[in-house]
Amino acid sequence: MEQRPDFSQEEGEMQSSPHTILTLAIDAGGTFLKGCLLDQGILLPDTFVQQPSRSEAEAEEIIQGLTDLCMHMVERYLAAADSEQRVQFRIGVAFPGPFDYEQGICLIQGLGKYEQLYGYNIRSLLREELKKRAALQSDHTWMQNLLAADILFNNDATLFALGVSRHYPTSKLLCLTLGTGLGSAFVSHRQIVQGRDGVPDNGMLYAERFEGVEVDSQFGRRGILALADRLQARSAQEDVHDLAIRAGNDDCLAREVWNIYGDRLGRMLKPYVASFQPSHIFIGGQIVKSWQLFIEPLLQALSPERPIIQVEDQVLEHVFYGIDMLFD
């Protein structure tokens, strides 16, 4: 059974104005596709749809799944709306990298997901599939409108940061997602920052090096498990969740893993924080469920820098709002 996330802020009810601008916001994860509509910038929770992403499938099947998701969201909206005549659609997709987000070309290889899309223009493939569906449903005005939609792409961590920034329109923010690897984005005055104030040219930290090793491999799930293995702090069957439970039960080796992790994360971030001077660091992703285990060594390692660190558990909501902001 589909379960809608707890979208707790700025929710809207479905209603059709004389000219409605609807953003189809899609998060293309390796396991699930998740989507929701925004009406004039307001999230419509009742349009939330989740389905398997089939990211290991052939390109045609993946694109068909994306199109199905778009159709399901619109159909949910129209079932409760007054009219379909004056709806303008926009489609935004949070897609994992590597990806040429401006051109819409997938560059993923060797990650076990979306590899069959390598080298393809996803914007063109999606529009071609929409064209096929429109030919089959030519009596529906909304299908023609959907076919005419602008289609934009960006990284999920970037979109998370944009979504958060709507609450801090004049601030500098550093936003991190700690999952399989480390996602990151720097924001100033609701704009993504790249190549200045100590920020890497691509605006992201994943390819930077810390103590000679790429950041992405050190500060997500893979990095924590590798650290635990070096300390002989886990069995082969244990995952990050197990390490967190043991640390919470005062297991010395497990606590040491989290202490070292927090210290190293803080030391990695410190030069970027010192240069960029964010007022807040927002941290989301699966690993933040264990934030109490590493927050103190993280803060100590950042000293004397003292940004406000805020754990964010509504990452998907912020990603959806960030997608809508792409069209501003």
C-alpha atoms as a PDB file:
ATOM      1  CA  MET A   1       0.000   0.000   0.000  1.00  0.00           C
ATOM      2  CA  GLU A   2       1.305   3.443  -0.913  1.00  0.00           C
ATOM      3  CA  GLN A   3       2.069   5.635   2.088  1.00  0.00           C
ATOM      4  CA  ARG A   4       2.286   9.375   1.646  1.00  0.00           C
ATOM      5  CA  PRO A   5       5.174  11.081   3.464  1.00  0.00           C
ATOM      6  CA  ASP A   6       4.394  13.576   6.206  1.00  0.00           C
ATOM      7  CA  PHE A   7       4.417  16.770   4.163  1.00  0.00           C
ATOM      8  CA  SER A   8       3.851  19.120   7.056  1.00  0.00           C
ATOM      9  CA  GLN A   9       4.398  22.580   5.616  1.00  0.00           C
ATOM     10  CA  GLU A  10       2.757  24.776   2.999  1.00  0.00           C
ATOM     11  CA  GLU A  11       0.350  22.095   1.838  1.00  0.00           C
ATOM     12  CA  GLY A  12      -2.396  23.006  -0.585  1.00  0.00           C
ATOM     13  CA  GLU A  13      -5.752  21.670  -1.658  1.00  0.00           C
ATOM     14  CA  MET A  14      -6.421  20.723  -5.268  1.00  0.00           C
ATOM     15  CA  GLN A  15      -8.326  23.379  -7.134  1.00  0.00           C
ATOM     16  CA  SER A  16      -8.179  24.723 -10.663  1.00  0.00           C
ATOM     17  CA  SER A  17      -7.697  28.449 -11.227  1.00  0.00           C
ATOM     18  CA  PRO A  18      -8.336  30.133 -14.612  1.00  0.00           C
ATOM     19  CA  HIS A  19      -4.697  29.463 -15.498  1.00  0.00           C
ATOM     20  CA  THR A  20      -2.968  26.903 -13.285  1.00  0.00           C
ATOM     21  CA  ILE A  21       0.773  26.228 -13.392  1.00  0.00           C
ATOM     22  CA  LEU A  22       1.478  22.700 -12.184  1.00  0.00           C
ATOM     23  CA  THR A  23       4.975  21.394 -11.528  1.00  0.00           C
ATOM     24  CA  LEU A  24       5.410  17.637 -11.718  1.00  0.00           C
ATOM     25  CA  ALA A  25       8.223  17.065  -9.206  1.00  0.00           C
ATOM     26  CA  ILE A  26       9.953  13.673  -9.495  1.00  0.00           C
ATOM     27  CA  ASP A  27      12.667  12.132  -7.345  1.00  0.00           C
ATOM     28  CA  ALA A  28      14.359   9.355  -9.345  1.00  0.00           C
ATOM     29  CA  GLY A  29      15.896   7.127  -6.701  1.00  0.00           C
ATOM     30  CA  GLY A  30      17.634   3.859  -7.344  1.00  0.00           C
ATOM     31  CA  THR A  31      14.797   1.893  -5.725  1.00  0.00           C
ATOM     32  CA  PHE A  32      11.715   4.094  -6.053  1.00  0.00           C
ATOM     33  CA  LEU A  33      10.362   6.889  -8.204  1.00  0.00           C
ATOM     34  CA  LYS A  34       8.514   9.406  -6.042  1.00  0.00           C
ATOM     35  CA  GLY A  35       6.465  12.274  -7.360  1.00  0.00           C
ATOM     36  CA  CYS A  36       4.164  15.042  -6.253  1.00  0.00           C
ATOM     37  CA  LEU A  37       2.509  18.053  -7.875  1.00  0.00           C
ATOM     38  CA  LEU A  38       2.960  21.667  -6.876  1.00  0.00           C
ATOM     39  CA  ASP A  39       0.238  24.149  -7.793  1.00  0.00           C
ATOM     40  CA  GLN A  40       1.545  27.713  -8.087  1.00  0.00           C
ATOM     41  CA  GLY A  41       4.434  26.669  -5.816  1.00  0.00           C
ATOM     42  CA  ILE A  42       2.307  24.908  -3.187  1.00  0.00           C
ATOM     43  CA  LEU A  43       2.738  21.184  -2.600  1.00  0.00           C
ATOM     44  CA  LEU A  44      -0.365  19.025  -3.150  1.00  0.00           C
ATOM     45  CA  PRO A  45       0.147  15.977  -0.890  1.00  0.00           C
ATOM     46  CA  ASP A  46      -2.835  14.076  -2.281  1.00  0.00           C
ATOM     47  CA  THR A  47      -1.072  13.812  -5.644  1.00  0.00           C
ATOM     48  CA  PHE A  48       1.910  11.951  -4.153  1.00  0.00           C
ATOM     49  CA  VAL A  49       2.794   8.796  -6.103  1.00  0.00           C
ATOM     50  CA  GLN A  50       5.480   6.193  -5.452  1.00  0.00           C
ATOM     51  CA  GLN A  51       6.416   3.242  -7.628  1.00  0.00           C
ATOM     52  CA  PRO A  52       9.468   1.020  -8.244  1.00  0.00           C
ATOM     53  CA  SER A  53      12.056   2.820 -10.345  1.00  0.00           C
ATOM     54  CA  ARG A  54      13.209  -0.316 -12.177  1.00  0.00           C
ATOM     55  CA  SER A  55      16.565   1.432 -12.413  1.00  0.00           C
ATOM     56  CA  GLU A  56      18.327  -1.777 -13.477  1.00  0.00           C
ATOM     57  CA  ALA A  57      15.987  -2.272 -16.459  1.00  0.00           C
ATOM     58  CA  GLU A  58      16.443  -1.375 -20.125  1.00  0.00           C
ATOM     59  CA  ALA A  59      16.194   2.288 -21.124  1.00  0.00           C
ATOM     60  CA  GLU A  60      12.732   1.976 -22.673  1.00  0.00           C
ATOM     61  CA  GLU A  61      11.262   0.428 -19.529  1.00  0.00           C
ATOM     62  CA  ILE A  62      12.765   3.102 -17.290  1.00  0.00           C
ATOM     63  CA  ILE A  63      11.353   5.896 -19.447  1.00  0.00           C
ATOM     64  CA  GLN A  64       7.957   4.221 -19.523  1.00  0.00           C
ATOM     65  CA  GLY A  65       8.027   4.157 -15.724  1.00  0.00           C
ATOM     66  CA  LEU A  66       8.807   7.875 -15.561  1.00  0.00           C
ATOM     67  CA  THR A  67       5.946   8.572 -17.943  1.00  0.00           C
ATOM     68  CA  ASP A  68       3.571   6.383 -15.933  1.00  0.00           C
ATOM     69  CA  LEU A  69       4.437   8.382 -12.830  1.00  0.00           C
ATOM     70  CA  CYS A  70       3.684  11.664 -14.604  1.00  0.00           C
ATOM     71  CA  MET A  71       0.351  10.350 -15.836  1.00  0.00           C
ATOM     72  CA  HIS A  72      -0.675   9.040 -12.408  1.00  0.00           C
ATOM     73  CA  MET A  73       0.050  12.374 -10.725  1.00  0.00           C
ATOM     74  CA  VAL A  74      -1.921  14.368 -13.277  1.00  0.00           C
ATOM     75  CA  GLU A  75      -4.832  11.939 -13.171  1.00  0.00           C
ATOM     76  CA  ARG A  76      -5.008  12.291  -9.388  1.00  0.00           C
ATOM     77  CA  TYR A  77      -5.060  16.051  -9.749  1.00  0.00           C
ATOM     78  CA  LEU A  78      -7.710  16.115 -12.455  1.00  0.00           C
ATOM     79  CA  ALA A  79      -9.953  13.726 -10.534  1.00  0.00           C
ATOM     80  CA  ALA A  80     -10.458  16.471  -7.958  1.00  0.00           C
ATOM     81  CA  ALA A  81     -10.022  19.590 -10.134  1.00  0.00           C
ATOM     82  CA  ASP A  82     -12.766  21.653 -11.760  1.00  0.00           C
ATOM     83  CA  SER A  83     -11.259  21.864 -15.225  1.00  0.00           C
ATOM     84  CA  GLU A  84      -8.372  20.647 -17.351  1.00  0.00           C
ATOM     85  CA  GLN A  85      -8.563  23.378 -19.994  1.00  0.00           C
ATOM     86  CA  ARG A  86      -6.028  25.941 -18.759  1.00  0.00           C
ATOM     87  CA  VAL A  87      -3.364  23.906 -17.027  1.00  0.00           C
ATOM     88  CA  GLN A  88       0.274  24.574 -17.863  1.00  0.00           C
ATOM     89  CA  PHE A  89       2.629  21.745 -16.889  1.00  0.00           C
ATOM     90  CA  ARG A  90       6.305  21.746 -15.968  1.00  0.00           C
ATOM     91  CA  ILE A  91       8.318  18.585 -15.284  1.00  0.00           C
ATOM     92  CA  GLY A  92      11.334  18.607 -12.978  1.00  0.00           C
ATOM     93  CA  VAL A  93      13.404  15.556 -12.108  1.00  0.00           C
ATOM     94  CA  ALA A  94      15.915  15.004  -9.320  1.00  0.00           C
ATOM     95  CA  PHE A  95      18.279  12.530 -10.945  1.00  0.00           C
ATOM     96  CA  PRO A  96      21.441  10.973  -9.488  1.00  0.00           C
ATOM     97  CA  GLY A  97      24.799  11.817 -11.006  1.00  0.00           C
ATOM     98  CA  PRO A  98      26.953  11.805 -12.917  1.00  0.00           C
ATOM     99  CA  PHE A  99      24.527  13.578 -15.238  1.00  0.00           C
ATOM    100  CA  ASP A 100      24.678  16.512 -17.640  1.00  0.00           C
ATOM    101  CA  TYR A 101      21.785  18.344 -16.024  1.00  0.00           C
ATOM    102  CA  GLU A 102      21.623  21.196 -18.517  1.00  0.00           C
ATOM    103  CA  GLN A 103      21.486  18.919 -21.573  1.00  0.00           C
ATOM    104  CA  GLY A 104      19.532  16.157 -19.847  1.00  0.00           C
ATOM    105  CA  ILE A 105      22.068  13.417 -20.627  1.00  0.00           C
ATOM    106  CA  CYS A 106      22.657  10.506 -18.252  1.00  0.00           C
ATOM    107  CA  LEU A 107      26.336   9.686 -17.595  1.00  0.00           C
ATOM    108  CA  ILE A 108      25.895   6.961 -14.964  1.00  0.00           C
ATOM    109  CA  GLN A 109      28.144   3.916 -15.188  1.00  0.00           C
ATOM    110  CA  GLY A 110      29.151   1.292 -12.667  1.00  0.00           C
ATOM    111  CA  LEU A 111      26.655   2.283  -9.967  1.00  0.00           C
ATOM    112  CA  GLY A 112      24.120  -0.505 -10.436  1.00  0.00           C
ATOM    113  CA  LYS A 113      21.317   1.883 -11.351  1.00  0.00           C
ATOM    114  CA  TYR A 114      20.188   3.664 -14.534  1.00  0.00           C
ATOM    115  CA  GLU A 115      23.221   2.323 -16.392  1.00  0.00           C
ATOM    116  CA  GLN A 116      21.131   1.478 -19.469  1.00  0.00           C
ATOM    117  CA  LEU A 117      20.422   5.197 -19.855  1.00  0.00           C
ATOM    118  CA  TYR A 118      24.115   6.048 -20.275  1.00  0.00           C
ATOM    119  CA  GLY A 119      24.631   8.541 -23.082  1.00  0.00           C
ATOM    120  CA  TYR A 120      20.922   9.050 -23.697  1.00  0.00           C
ATOM    121  CA  ASN A 121      19.145  12.393 -23.649  1.00  0.00           C
ATOM    122  CA  ILE A 122      16.492  11.708 -21.019  1.00  0.00           C
ATOM    123  CA  ARG A 123      14.550  14.855 -21.893  1.00  0.00           C
ATOM    124  CA  SER A 124      14.159  13.689 -25.497  1.00  0.00           C
ATOM    125  CA  LEU A 125      13.239  10.133 -24.514  1.00  0.00           C
ATOM    126  CA  LEU A 126      10.632  11.318 -22.028  1.00  0.00           C
ATOM    127  CA  ARG A 127       9.116  13.714 -24.547  1.00  0.00           C
ATOM    128  CA  GLU A 128       8.955  10.968 -27.184  1.00  0.00           C
ATOM    129  CA  GLU A 129       7.123   8.666 -24.775  1.00  0.00           C
ATOM    130  CA  LEU A 130       4.714  11.477 -23.870  1.00  0.00           C
ATOM    131  CA  LYS A 131       4.091  11.996 -27.577  1.00  0.00           C
ATOM    132  CA  LYS A 132       3.122   8.319 -27.930  1.00  0.00           C
ATOM    133  CA  ARG A 133       0.719   8.580 -25.006  1.00  0.00           C
ATOM    134  CA  ALA A 134      -0.785  11.813 -26.377  1.00  0.00           C
ATOM    135  CA  ALA A 135      -1.500  10.097 -29.712  1.00  0.00           C
ATOM    136  CA  LEU A 136      -3.442   7.414 -27.851  1.00  0.00           C
ATOM    137  CA  GLN A 137      -5.402   9.960 -25.811  1.00  0.00           C
ATOM    138  CA  SER A 138      -5.897  12.743 -28.318  1.00  0.00           C
ATOM    139  CA  ASP A 139      -9.289  13.611 -26.859  1.00  0.00           C
ATOM    140  CA  HIS A 140      -7.681  14.790 -23.609  1.00  0.00           C
ATOM    141  CA  THR A 141      -6.580  18.422 -23.710  1.00  0.00           C
ATOM    142  CA  TRP A 142      -4.365  17.857 -20.688  1.00  0.00           C
ATOM    143  CA  MET A 143      -2.227  15.344 -22.594  1.00  0.00           C
ATOM    144  CA  GLN A 144      -1.372  17.968 -25.203  1.00  0.00           C
ATOM    145  CA  ASN A 145      -0.529  20.397 -22.413  1.00  0.00           C
ATOM    146  CA  LEU A 146       1.669  17.786 -20.730  1.00  0.00           C
ATOM    147  CA  LEU A 147       3.467  17.142 -24.001  1.00  0.00           C
ATOM    148  CA  ALA A 148       4.329  20.857 -24.174  1.00  0.00           C
ATOM    149  CA  ALA A 149       5.847  20.905 -20.677  1.00  0.00           C
ATOM    150  CA  ASP A 150       9.340  22.254 -20.017  1.00  0.00           C
ATOM    151  CA  ILE A 151      11.534  19.446 -18.622  1.00  0.00           C
ATOM    152  CA  LEU A 152      14.430  20.259 -16.267  1.00  0.00           C
ATOM    153  CA  PHE A 153      16.886  18.119 -14.282  1.00  0.00           C
ATOM    154  CA  ASN A 154      19.174  18.599 -11.319  1.00  0.00           C
ATOM    155  CA  ASN A 155      20.936  16.770  -8.530  1.00  0.00           C
ATOM    156  CA  ASP A 156      18.897  15.771  -5.484  1.00  0.00           C
ATOM    157  CA  ALA A 157      21.310  17.395  -3.016  1.00  0.00           C
ATOM    158  CA  THR A 158      21.178  20.655  -4.980  1.00  0.00           C
ATOM    159  CA  LEU A 159      17.391  20.558  -5.009  1.00  0.00           C
ATOM    160  CA  PHE A 160      17.306  19.767  -1.282  1.00  0.00           C
ATOM    161  CA  ALA A 161      19.410  22.890  -0.707  1.00  0.00           C
ATOM    162  CA  LEU A 162      17.190  25.054  -2.911  1.00  0.00           C
ATOM    163  CA  GLY A 163      14.107  23.813  -1.085  1.00  0.00           C
ATOM    164  CA  VAL A 164      15.603  24.601   2.309  1.00  0.00           C
ATOM    165  CA  SER A 165      16.700  28.051   1.122  1.00  0.00           C
ATOM    166  CA  ARG A 166      13.102  29.216   0.647  1.00  0.00           C
ATOM    167  CA  HIS A 167      12.994  29.569   4.446  1.00  0.00           C
ATOM    168  CA  TYR A 168      16.339  31.452   4.537  1.00  0.00           C
ATOM    169  CA  PRO A 169      16.155  33.815   1.556  1.00  0.00           C
ATOM    170  CA  THR A 170      19.034  36.077   2.636  1.00  0.00           C
ATOM    171  CA  SER A 171      21.342  33.497   4.226  1.00  0.00           C
ATOM    172  CA  LYS A 172      24.311  31.388   3.245  1.00  0.00           C
ATOM    173  CA  LEU A 173      23.665  27.664   3.713  1.00  0.00           C
ATOM    174  CA  LEU A 174      25.665  24.472   3.360  1.00  0.00           C
ATOM    175  CA  CYS A 175      23.362  21.483   2.813  1.00  0.00           C
ATOM    176  CA  LEU A 176      24.484  17.858   3.038  1.00  0.00           C
ATOM    177  CA  THR A 177      22.763  14.549   2.349  1.00  0.00           C
ATOM    178  CA  LEU A 178      24.407  11.564   4.011  1.00  0.00           C
ATOM    179  CA  GLY A 179      23.299   8.351   2.342  1.00  0.00           C
ATOM    180  CA  THR A 180      25.260   5.871   0.236  1.00  0.00           C
ATOM    181  CA  GLY A 181      27.734   8.688  -0.332  1.00  0.00           C
ATOM    182  CA  LEU A 182      27.787  12.407   0.431  1.00  0.00           C
ATOM    183  CA  GLY A 183      25.631  14.905  -1.444  1.00  0.00           C
ATOM    184  CA  SER A 184      26.232  18.614  -0.972  1.00  0.00           C
ATOM    185  CA  ALA A 185      25.335  22.099  -2.146  1.00  0.00           C
ATOM    186  CA  PHE A 186      26.193  25.657  -1.169  1.00  0.00           C
ATOM    187  CA  VAL A 187      23.461  28.303  -1.323  1.00  0.00           C
ATOM    188  CA  SER A 188      23.525  32.077  -0.917  1.00  0.00           C
ATOM    189  CA  HIS A 189      20.382  34.207  -1.184  1.00  0.00           C
ATOM    190  CA  ARG A 190      18.466  31.254  -2.688  1.00  0.00           C
ATOM    191  CA  GLN A 191      21.074  30.794  -5.427  1.00  0.00           C
ATOM    192  CA  ILE A 192      23.411  27.818  -5.842  1.00  0.00           C
ATOM    193  CA  VAL A 193      27.066  28.868  -5.423  1.00  0.00           C
ATOM    194  CA  GLN A 194      29.876  27.402  -7.529  1.00  0.00           C
ATOM    195  CA  GLY A 195      33.542  28.247  -7.866  1.00  0.00           C
ATOM    196  CA  ARG A 196      33.811  31.129  -5.390  1.00  0.00           C
ATOM    197  CA  ASP A 197      34.228  31.754  -1.651  1.00  0.00           C
ATOM    198  CA  GLY A 198      36.070  28.470  -1.271  1.00  0.00           C
ATOM    199  CA  VAL A 199      33.344  26.438  -3.007  1.00  0.00           C
ATOM    200  CA  PRO A 200      34.496  23.858  -5.599  1.00  0.00           C
ATOM    201  CA  ASP A 201      33.924  24.743  -9.244  1.00  0.00           C
ATOM    202  CA  ASN A 202      31.025  22.294  -9.563  1.00  0.00           C
ATOM    203  CA  GLY A 203      29.514  23.446  -6.268  1.00  0.00           C
ATOM    204  CA  MET A 204      29.764  19.952  -4.737  1.00  0.00           C
ATOM    205  CA  LEU A 205      32.114  18.170  -2.345  1.00  0.00           C
ATOM    206  CA  TYR A 206      31.774  14.561  -3.489  1.00  0.00           C
ATOM    207  CA  ALA A 207      34.839  14.629  -5.784  1.00  0.00           C
ATOM    208  CA  GLU A 208      37.028  16.654  -3.408  1.00  0.00           C
ATOM    209  CA  ARG A 209      39.772  14.812  -1.562  1.00  0.00           C
ATOM    210  CA  PHE A 210      40.272  14.551   2.181  1.00  0.00           C
ATOM    211  CA  GLU A 211      43.467  12.972   3.470  1.00  0.00           C
ATOM    212  CA  GLY A 212      44.144  11.763  -0.048  1.00  0.00           C
ATOM    213  CA  VAL A 213      40.811   9.966  -0.576  1.00  0.00           C
ATOM    214  CA  GLU A 214      37.687  11.088  -2.444  1.00  0.00           C
ATOM    215  CA  VAL A 215      35.092  12.548  -0.071  1.00  0.00           C
ATOM    216  CA  ASP A 216      32.133  10.612  -1.479  1.00  0.00           C
ATOM    217  CA  SER A 217      33.661   7.280  -0.485  1.00  0.00           C
ATOM    218  CA  GLN A 218      34.333   8.370   3.101  1.00  0.00           C
ATOM    219  CA  PHE A 219      31.249  10.024   4.555  1.00  0.00           C
ATOM    220  CA  GLY A 220      28.261   7.970   3.479  1.00  0.00           C
ATOM    221  CA  ARG A 221      27.320   4.390   4.269  1.00  0.00           C
ATOM    222  CA  ARG A 222      30.327   3.007   2.418  1.00  0.00           C
ATOM    223  CA  GLY A 223      32.723   5.160   4.403  1.00  0.00           C
ATOM    224  CA  ILE A 224      31.218   4.280   7.773  1.00  0.00           C
ATOM    225  CA  LEU A 225      31.365   0.561   7.056  1.00  0.00           C
ATOM    226  CA  ALA A 226      34.949   0.821   5.792  1.00  0.00           C
ATOM    227  CA  LEU A 227      35.897   2.708   8.965  1.00  0.00           C
ATOM    228  CA  ALA A 228      34.215   0.071  11.128  1.00  0.00           C
ATOM    229  CA  ASP A 229      36.102  -2.659   9.266  1.00  0.00           C
ATOM    230  CA  ARG A 230      39.436  -0.920   9.843  1.00  0.00           C
ATOM    231  CA  LEU A 231      38.647  -0.777  13.563  1.00  0.00           C
ATOM    232  CA  GLN A 232      37.374  -4.373  13.525  1.00  0.00           C
ATOM    233  CA  ALA A 233      34.174  -2.964  14.993  1.00  0.00           C
ATOM    234  CA  ARG A 234      31.543  -4.986  13.104  1.00  0.00           C
ATOM    235  CA  SER A 235      30.726  -8.404  11.782  1.00  0.00           C
ATOM    236  CA  ALA A 236      30.260  -8.947   8.055  1.00  0.00           C
ATOM    237  CA  GLN A 237      26.459  -8.981   8.446  1.00  0.00           C
ATOM    238  CA  GLU A 238      26.202  -5.683  10.332  1.00  0.00           C
ATOM    239  CA  ASP A 239      25.224  -2.432   8.611  1.00  0.00           C
ATOM    240  CA  VAL A 240      25.193   1.216   9.692  1.00  0.00           C
ATOM    241  CA  HIS A 241      21.903   0.725  11.528  1.00  0.00           C
ATOM    242  CA  ASP A 242      23.439  -2.056  13.623  1.00  0.00           C
ATOM    243  CA  LEU A 243      26.455   0.086  14.497  1.00  0.00           C
ATOM    244  CA  ALA A 244      24.103   2.844  15.639  1.00  0.00           C
ATOM    245  CA  ILE A 245      22.137   0.475  17.882  1.00  0.00           C
ATOM    246  CA  ARG A 246      25.316  -0.890  19.448  1.00  0.00           C
ATOM    247  CA  ALA A 247      26.714   2.592  19.996  1.00  0.00           C
ATOM    248  CA  GLY A 248      23.456   3.601  21.655  1.00  0.00           C
ATOM    249  CA  ASN A 249      23.939   0.650  23.983  1.00  0.00           C
ATOM    250  CA  ASP A 250      27.430   1.913  24.921  1.00  0.00           C
ATOM    251  CA  ASP A 251      29.402  -0.551  22.848  1.00  0.00           C
ATOM    252  CA  CYS A 252      32.881   0.979  22.977  1.00  0.00           C
ATOM    253  CA  LEU A 253      34.017  -0.020  19.494  1.00  0.00           C
ATOM    254  CA  ALA A 254      30.793   1.134  17.849  1.00  0.00           C
ATOM    255  CA  ARG A 255      30.918   4.463  19.692  1.00  0.00           C
ATOM    256  CA  GLU A 256      34.502   4.913  18.524  1.00  0.00           C
ATOM    257  CA  VAL A 257      33.372   4.482  14.910  1.00  0.00           C
ATOM    258  CA  TRP A 258      30.840   7.297  15.267  1.00  0.00           C
ATOM    259  CA  ASN A 259      33.251   9.545  17.187  1.00  0.00           C
ATOM    260  CA  ILE A 260      35.901   9.192  14.489  1.00  0.00           C
ATOM    261  CA  TYR A 261      33.292   9.650  11.766  1.00  0.00           C
ATOM    262  CA  GLY A 262      32.043  12.930  13.292  1.00  0.00           C
ATOM    263  CA  ASP A 263      35.568  14.222  13.830  1.00  0.00           C
ATOM    264  CA  ARG A 264      36.638  13.436  10.277  1.00  0.00           C
ATOM    265  CA  LEU A 265      33.445  14.912   8.797  1.00  0.00           C
ATOM    266  CA  GLY A 266      34.038  18.124  10.740  1.00  0.00           C
ATOM    267  CA  ARG A 267      37.691  18.355   9.727  1.00  0.00           C
ATOM    268  CA  MET A 268      36.761  17.763   6.075  1.00  0.00           C
ATOM    269  CA  LEU A 269      34.118  20.490   6.185  1.00  0.00           C
ATOM    270  CA  LYS A 270      36.113  23.022   8.184  1.00  0.00           C
ATOM    271  CA  PRO A 271      38.056  24.752   5.358  1.00  0.00           C
ATOM    272  CA  TYR A 272      34.895  25.129   3.273  1.00  0.00           C
ATOM    273  CA  VAL A 273      32.950  26.474   6.234  1.00  0.00           C
ATOM    274  CA  ALA A 274      35.775  28.894   7.068  1.00  0.00           C
ATOM    275  CA  SER A 275      35.805  30.250   3.506  1.00  0.00           C
ATOM    276  CA  PHE A 276      32.097  30.224   2.713  1.00  0.00           C
ATOM    277  CA  GLN A 277      30.874  31.210   6.203  1.00  0.00           C
ATOM    278  CA  PRO A 278      27.397  29.630   6.130  1.00  0.00           C
ATOM    279  CA  SER A 279      25.018  30.616   8.894  1.00  0.00           C
ATOM    280  CA  HIS A 280      23.563  27.074   8.914  1.00  0.00           C
ATOM    281  CA  ILE A 281      24.590  23.572   7.949  1.00  0.00           C
ATOM    282  CA  PHE A 282      21.576  21.403   7.108  1.00  0.00           C
ATOM    283  CA  ILE A 283      22.075  17.652   7.174  1.00  0.00           C
ATOM    284  CA  GLY A 284      19.608  15.152   5.731  1.00  0.00           C
ATOM    285  CA  GLY A 285      19.643  11.553   4.554  1.00  0.00           C
ATOM    286  CA  GLN A 286      19.424   8.152   6.179  1.00  0.00           C
ATOM    287  CA  ILE A 287      22.556   8.557   8.302  1.00  0.00           C
ATOM    288  CA  VAL A 288      21.185  11.592  10.182  1.00  0.00           C
ATOM    289  CA  LYS A 289      18.940   9.200  12.093  1.00  0.00           C
ATOM    290  CA  SER A 290      22.132   8.594  14.086  1.00  0.00           C
ATOM    291  CA  TRP A 291      23.127  12.267  14.370  1.00  0.00           C
ATOM    292  CA  GLN A 292      23.320  12.236  18.167  1.00  0.00           C
ATOM    293  CA  LEU A 293      26.199   9.770  17.920  1.00  0.00           C
ATOM    294  CA  PHE A 294      28.465  12.057  15.879  1.00  0.00           C
ATOM    295  CA  ILE A 295      27.284  15.642  16.414  1.00  0.00           C
ATOM    296  CA  GLU A 296      29.620  16.493  19.325  1.00  0.00           C
ATOM    297  CA  PRO A 297      32.870  15.433  17.626  1.00  0.00           C
ATOM    298  CA  LEU A 298      31.632  17.177  14.472  1.00  0.00           C
ATOM    299  CA  LEU A 299      31.118  20.452  16.328  1.00  0.00           C
ATOM    300  CA  GLN A 300      34.471  20.165  18.075  1.00  0.00           C
ATOM    301  CA  ALA A 301      36.270  19.556  14.787  1.00  0.00           C
ATOM    302  CA  LEU A 302      34.622  22.625  13.226  1.00  0.00           C
ATOM    303  CA  SER A 303      35.726  24.922  16.049  1.00  0.00           C
ATOM    304  CA  PRO A 304      36.243  27.875  16.076  1.00  0.00           C
ATOM    305  CA  GLU A 305      33.691  27.986  13.238  1.00  0.00           C
ATOM    306  CA  ARG A 306      30.216  27.940  14.766  1.00  0.00           C
ATOM    307  CA  PRO A 307      27.480  27.575  12.157  1.00  0.00           C
ATOM    308  CA  ILE A 308      24.095  26.369  13.361  1.00  0.00           C
ATOM    309  CA  ILE A 309      23.794  22.686  12.524  1.00  0.00           C
ATOM    310  CA  GLN A 310      20.259  21.535  11.844  1.00  0.00           C
ATOM    311  CA  VAL A 311      19.138  17.978  11.148  1.00  0.00           C
ATOM    312  CA  GLU A 312      16.402  17.820   8.516  1.00  0.00           C
ATOM    313  CA  ASP A 313      14.124  14.798   8.218  1.00  0.00           C
ATOM    314  CA  GLN A 314      11.849  16.203   5.484  1.00  0.00           C
ATOM    315  CA  VAL A 315      14.397  15.907   2.676  1.00  0.00           C
ATOM    316  CA  LEU A 316      11.902  14.748   0.053  1.00  0.00           C
ATOM    317  CA  GLU A 317       9.600  17.680   0.736  1.00  0.00           C
ATOM    318  CA  HIS A 318      12.487  20.117   0.271  1.00  0.00           C
ATOM    319  CA  VAL A 319      13.546  18.324  -2.929  1.00  0.00           C
ATOM    320  CA  PHE A 320      10.051  18.770  -4.363  1.00  0.00           C
ATOM    321  CA  TYR A 321      10.043  22.476  -3.522  1.00  0.00           C
ATOM    322  CA  GLY A 322      13.566  22.799  -4.933  1.00  0.00           C
ATOM    323  CA  ILE A 323      12.374  21.270  -8.206  1.00  0.00           C
ATOM    324  CA  ASP A 324       9.624  23.873  -8.421  1.00  0.00           C
ATOM    325  CA  MET A 325      12.206  26.617  -7.828  1.00  0.00           C
ATOM    326  CA  LEU A 326      14.173  25.470 -10.911  1.00  0.00           C
ATOM    327  CA  PHE A 327      11.518  27.170 -13.026  1.00  0.00           C
ATOM    328  CA  ASP A 328      11.726  30.560 -11.248  1.00  0.00           C
END
